[in-house]
N, C-alpha and C. Protein backbone atom coordinates (compact mmCIF):
# COMPACT_ATOMS: atom_id res chain seq x y z
N MET A 1 70.11 -79.75 -9.17
CA MET A 1 69.98 -79.78 -7.45
C MET A 1 71.43 -79.67 -7.30
N ARG A 2 72.39 -79.70 -7.88
CA ARG A 2 73.93 -78.75 -7.83
C ARG A 2 73.83 -77.99 -8.23
N LYS A 3 72.69 -76.67 -8.45
CA LYS A 3 73.09 -75.69 -8.17
C LYS A 3 72.68 -74.74 -7.23
N PHE A 4 71.66 -75.75 -6.89
CA PHE A 4 71.49 -75.08 -4.94
C PHE A 4 72.17 -75.28 -4.24
N ILE A 5 72.87 -76.36 -4.04
CA ILE A 5 73.78 -76.97 -3.47
C ILE A 5 75.06 -75.95 -3.12
N ASN A 6 74.98 -75.52 -4.70
CA ASN A 6 75.94 -74.71 -4.26
C ASN A 6 76.00 -73.42 -4.11
N TYR A 7 74.44 -73.01 -4.43
CA TYR A 7 74.49 -71.76 -3.63
C TYR A 7 74.16 -71.44 -2.63
N LEU A 8 73.95 -72.61 -1.71
CA LEU A 8 74.12 -72.69 0.05
C LEU A 8 75.39 -72.56 0.02
N LYS A 9 76.26 -73.46 0.17
CA LYS A 9 77.35 -73.30 0.06
C LYS A 9 78.03 -71.90 0.37
N GLU A 10 78.14 -71.17 -1.08
CA GLU A 10 78.26 -69.75 -2.03
C GLU A 10 78.10 -68.77 -0.71
N SER A 11 76.32 -68.98 -0.50
CA SER A 11 76.18 -67.86 0.78
C SER A 11 76.72 -68.37 2.24
N ALA A 12 76.57 -69.10 2.16
CA ALA A 12 77.17 -69.56 3.76
C ALA A 12 78.91 -68.86 3.77
N GLN A 13 79.44 -69.32 3.17
CA GLN A 13 80.48 -68.32 2.35
C GLN A 13 80.96 -66.98 2.59
N GLU A 14 79.91 -66.18 2.07
CA GLU A 14 79.71 -64.94 2.26
C GLU A 14 78.85 -64.72 3.29
N LEU A 15 78.41 -65.09 3.91
CA LEU A 15 77.96 -64.43 5.30
C LEU A 15 78.92 -64.54 6.59
N THR A 16 79.52 -65.59 6.73
CA THR A 16 80.60 -66.05 7.02
C THR A 16 81.80 -65.14 7.14
N LYS A 17 82.50 -64.76 5.49
CA LYS A 17 83.76 -64.30 5.59
C LYS A 17 84.10 -62.94 4.75
N LYS A 18 83.07 -62.99 3.98
CA LYS A 18 82.64 -61.62 3.75
C LYS A 18 81.80 -60.60 3.99
N VAL A 19 81.35 -60.74 4.69
CA VAL A 19 80.04 -59.34 5.38
C VAL A 19 80.26 -59.31 6.41
N THR A 20 80.32 -57.54 6.74
CA THR A 20 80.87 -57.25 8.12
C THR A 20 80.14 -56.76 8.87
N TRP A 21 79.49 -57.12 10.00
CA TRP A 21 79.03 -57.20 10.73
C TRP A 21 79.02 -56.50 12.12
N PRO A 22 78.05 -55.50 12.22
CA PRO A 22 78.42 -54.12 13.21
C PRO A 22 78.87 -54.54 14.29
N THR A 23 78.98 -53.80 15.09
CA THR A 23 79.67 -54.19 17.00
C THR A 23 78.78 -54.22 17.45
N TRP A 24 78.18 -54.87 18.55
CA TRP A 24 76.94 -54.53 19.56
C TRP A 24 76.78 -52.95 20.03
N GLU A 25 77.41 -52.52 20.28
CA GLU A 25 77.67 -51.14 20.47
C GLU A 25 76.80 -50.30 18.88
N LYS A 26 77.79 -50.21 18.03
CA LYS A 26 76.26 -49.71 17.06
C LYS A 26 74.83 -50.40 17.02
N LEU A 27 75.18 -51.67 16.76
CA LEU A 27 74.06 -52.18 16.69
C LEU A 27 72.63 -51.86 18.10
N GLN A 28 73.42 -51.62 19.76
CA GLN A 28 72.59 -51.14 19.99
C GLN A 28 71.94 -49.51 19.78
N SER A 29 72.96 -48.78 19.63
CA SER A 29 73.14 -47.56 18.95
C SER A 29 71.89 -47.47 18.03
N SER A 30 71.65 -48.63 16.86
CA SER A 30 70.91 -48.39 16.02
C SER A 30 69.78 -49.07 16.17
N ALA A 31 69.14 -49.58 16.75
CA ALA A 31 68.16 -49.69 17.50
C ALA A 31 67.33 -49.20 18.09
N LEU A 32 68.62 -48.34 18.44
CA LEU A 32 68.03 -47.22 20.54
C LEU A 32 67.09 -45.73 19.04
N LEU A 33 67.90 -45.66 18.31
CA LEU A 33 67.56 -44.40 17.21
C LEU A 33 66.22 -45.27 16.54
N VAL A 34 65.70 -46.52 16.36
CA VAL A 34 64.66 -46.99 15.51
C VAL A 34 63.63 -46.84 16.53
N LEU A 35 64.23 -47.01 17.74
CA LEU A 35 63.22 -47.15 18.34
C LEU A 35 62.36 -45.69 19.04
N VAL A 36 63.52 -44.72 19.46
CA VAL A 36 62.70 -42.83 19.38
C VAL A 36 61.74 -42.67 17.92
N ALA A 37 62.79 -43.12 16.98
CA ALA A 37 61.50 -42.70 15.82
C ALA A 37 60.48 -43.13 15.21
N THR A 38 60.22 -45.17 15.69
CA THR A 38 59.28 -45.00 16.26
C THR A 38 58.20 -44.30 17.13
N LEU A 39 58.37 -44.12 18.22
CA LEU A 39 57.94 -43.19 19.36
C LEU A 39 57.69 -42.02 19.25
N ILE A 40 58.51 -41.01 18.09
CA ILE A 40 57.65 -39.85 17.86
C ILE A 40 57.02 -40.01 16.94
N LEU A 41 56.98 -40.74 15.57
CA LEU A 41 55.69 -41.01 14.84
C LEU A 41 54.55 -41.89 14.74
N ALA A 42 54.77 -42.48 16.26
CA ALA A 42 54.07 -43.26 16.98
C ALA A 42 52.55 -41.86 18.14
N VAL A 43 53.90 -41.34 18.13
CA VAL A 43 53.10 -39.76 19.02
C VAL A 43 52.74 -38.52 17.85
N VAL A 44 52.99 -38.39 16.73
CA VAL A 44 52.84 -37.92 16.02
C VAL A 44 51.22 -37.52 15.34
N ILE A 45 51.38 -39.39 15.10
CA ILE A 45 50.35 -39.75 13.92
C ILE A 45 49.14 -39.42 15.49
N PHE A 46 49.19 -39.82 15.62
CA PHE A 46 48.29 -40.08 17.34
C PHE A 46 47.19 -38.73 17.36
N LEU A 47 48.16 -37.34 17.33
CA LEU A 47 47.91 -36.02 17.41
C LEU A 47 47.62 -35.65 16.16
N ILE A 48 47.68 -36.24 15.32
CA ILE A 48 47.16 -35.69 14.09
C ILE A 48 45.96 -36.55 13.65
N ASP A 49 45.75 -37.84 14.65
CA ASP A 49 44.58 -38.74 14.42
C ASP A 49 43.00 -37.97 15.01
N PHE A 50 44.06 -37.42 16.72
CA PHE A 50 43.11 -36.35 17.60
C PHE A 50 42.88 -35.46 17.13
N ALA A 51 43.95 -34.44 16.90
CA ALA A 51 43.02 -32.96 16.26
C ALA A 51 42.04 -33.94 15.04
N PHE A 52 42.46 -34.59 14.48
CA PHE A 52 40.79 -34.63 12.34
C PHE A 52 39.72 -35.15 13.36
N GLN A 53 40.26 -36.06 14.49
CA GLN A 53 38.85 -36.38 15.24
C GLN A 53 37.75 -35.36 15.63
N HIS A 54 38.57 -34.39 16.71
CA HIS A 54 37.61 -33.51 16.86
C HIS A 54 36.88 -32.48 15.89
N LEU A 55 38.17 -32.40 14.84
CA LEU A 55 37.83 -31.37 13.57
C LEU A 55 36.29 -31.74 13.37
N MET A 56 35.75 -33.62 12.81
CA MET A 56 35.15 -34.06 12.02
C MET A 56 33.84 -34.05 13.44
N GLU A 57 34.24 -33.99 14.58
CA GLU A 57 33.10 -34.16 15.26
C GLU A 57 32.64 -32.78 14.98
N PHE A 58 33.57 -31.43 15.53
CA PHE A 58 33.23 -30.59 15.64
C PHE A 58 32.38 -29.94 13.75
N ILE A 59 32.74 -30.74 12.95
CA ILE A 59 31.97 -30.13 11.95
C ILE A 59 30.31 -31.05 11.57
N TYR A 60 30.68 -32.06 12.14
CA TYR A 60 29.05 -32.81 12.57
C TYR A 60 28.52 -32.28 13.22
N ALA A 61 28.31 -31.86 13.86
CA ALA A 61 27.69 -30.26 15.10
C ALA A 61 27.37 -29.66 14.66
N LEU A 62 27.71 -29.01 13.75
CA LEU A 62 26.92 -27.92 12.78
C LEU A 62 25.68 -28.26 12.43
């Protein structure tokens, strides 16, 4: 049990004293970048799915 308590204390100390957290502006820009990349990827996947759907419908209609 002592090792676990020591682990918790060291983890808390590392998170508060040793970790450099990003600034609010950098955090917002990173979140915006992730949002834009996700939207672009979603559109690309939608277009591929749409194209394959119509391709398969064309093939099955033959």
